Amino acid sequence: MIADETIKKIIEEALSILKKIGILVENQEALRLLKGAGMVLKENRVLITEDLVRTCLKSAPSTIKIYAI
C-alpha cells in the first residue's frame, strides 16, 4: 500500500504540472472553445487550475465499471 504522504505528494505534483505545463490540445476548435470558456492557453496547451480539477472531481463518479469486450 502507498503511504498517505506519498499519495499527497503525487497529487500535489500532478496539480502543479496541470497548472504550469497544462495539457496539449491539437484541435483548433477545441482550443477556441476552451479559450472562450475562460481557460488560459499557452500556445496549444491549456492550463488547468486546481479549482477546476477539484470541481470536476466532485462531479465524477466514485467508481466505474470496466468490461472486457
Protein backbone atom coordinates (compact mmCIF):
# COMPACT_ATOMS: atom_id res chain seq x y z
CA MET A 1 0.00 0.00 0.00
CA ILE A 2 1.19 3.53 -0.73
CA ALA A 3 1.73 5.80 2.28
CA ASP A 4 -0.68 8.72 2.70
CA GLU A 5 2.20 11.19 2.48
CA THR A 6 3.29 9.71 -0.85
CA ILE A 7 -0.25 9.95 -2.23
CA LYS A 8 -0.44 13.58 -1.11
CA LYS A 9 2.87 14.35 -2.86
CA ILE A 10 1.74 12.66 -6.10
CA ILE A 11 -1.48 14.70 -6.11
CA GLU A 12 0.40 17.95 -5.42
CA GLU A 13 2.85 17.26 -8.26
CA ALA A 14 0.04 16.36 -10.69
CA LEU A 15 -1.82 19.58 -9.87
CA SER A 16 1.39 21.56 -10.34
CA ILE A 17 2.01 20.02 -13.77
CA LEU A 18 -1.56 20.74 -14.89
CA LYS A 19 -1.28 24.35 -13.71
CA LYS A 20 2.22 25.13 -15.04
CA ILE A 21 2.54 22.93 -18.14
CA GLY A 22 -1.08 22.12 -18.93
CA ILE A 23 -2.39 19.63 -21.44
CA LEU A 24 -1.77 19.53 -25.17
CA VAL A 25 -4.83 20.20 -27.31
CA GLU A 26 -4.26 19.84 -31.05
CA ASN A 27 -7.82 20.59 -32.19
CA GLN A 28 -8.16 24.29 -33.02
CA GLU A 29 -11.93 24.31 -32.48
CA ALA A 30 -11.45 22.81 -29.00
CA LEU A 31 -8.81 25.44 -28.20
CA ARG A 32 -11.18 28.19 -29.34
CA LEU A 33 -13.99 26.82 -27.16
CA LEU A 34 -11.73 26.42 -24.13
CA LYS A 35 -10.41 29.95 -24.51
CA GLY A 36 -13.96 31.22 -24.86
CA ALA A 37 -14.82 29.44 -21.60
CA GLY A 38 -12.07 31.40 -19.85
CA MET A 39 -9.28 28.83 -19.85
CA VAL A 40 -5.71 30.08 -20.03
CA LEU A 41 -3.83 28.94 -23.14
CA LYS A 42 -0.09 28.75 -23.78
CA GLU A 43 0.22 28.10 -27.49
CA ASN A 44 -1.66 24.82 -27.95
CA ARG A 45 -1.63 23.85 -24.26
CA VAL A 46 -4.46 24.51 -21.83
CA LEU A 47 -3.52 25.32 -18.24
CA ILE A 48 -5.78 23.61 -15.72
CA THR A 49 -6.29 25.18 -12.30
CA GLU A 50 -6.56 23.22 -9.07
CA ASP A 51 -10.05 24.66 -8.54
CA LEU A 52 -11.21 23.27 -11.87
CA VAL A 53 -9.72 19.84 -11.12
CA ARG A 54 -11.41 19.72 -7.71
CA THR A 55 -14.76 20.88 -9.15
CA CYS A 56 -14.59 18.20 -11.85
CA LEU A 57 -13.66 15.51 -9.33
CA LYS A 58 -16.74 16.37 -7.25
CA SER A 59 -18.99 15.58 -10.20
CA ALA A 60 -17.14 12.41 -11.25
CA PRO A 61 -18.47 9.03 -10.13
CA SER A 62 -16.60 7.44 -7.24
CA THR A 63 -16.33 4.15 -9.16
CA ILE A 64 -16.59 3.00 -12.75
CA LYS A 65 -17.17 -0.44 -14.17
CA ILE A 66 -14.77 -1.71 -16.82
CA TYR A 67 -15.96 -4.52 -19.02
CA ALA A 68 -13.98 -6.81 -21.26
CA ILE A 69 -15.02 -6.82 -24.88
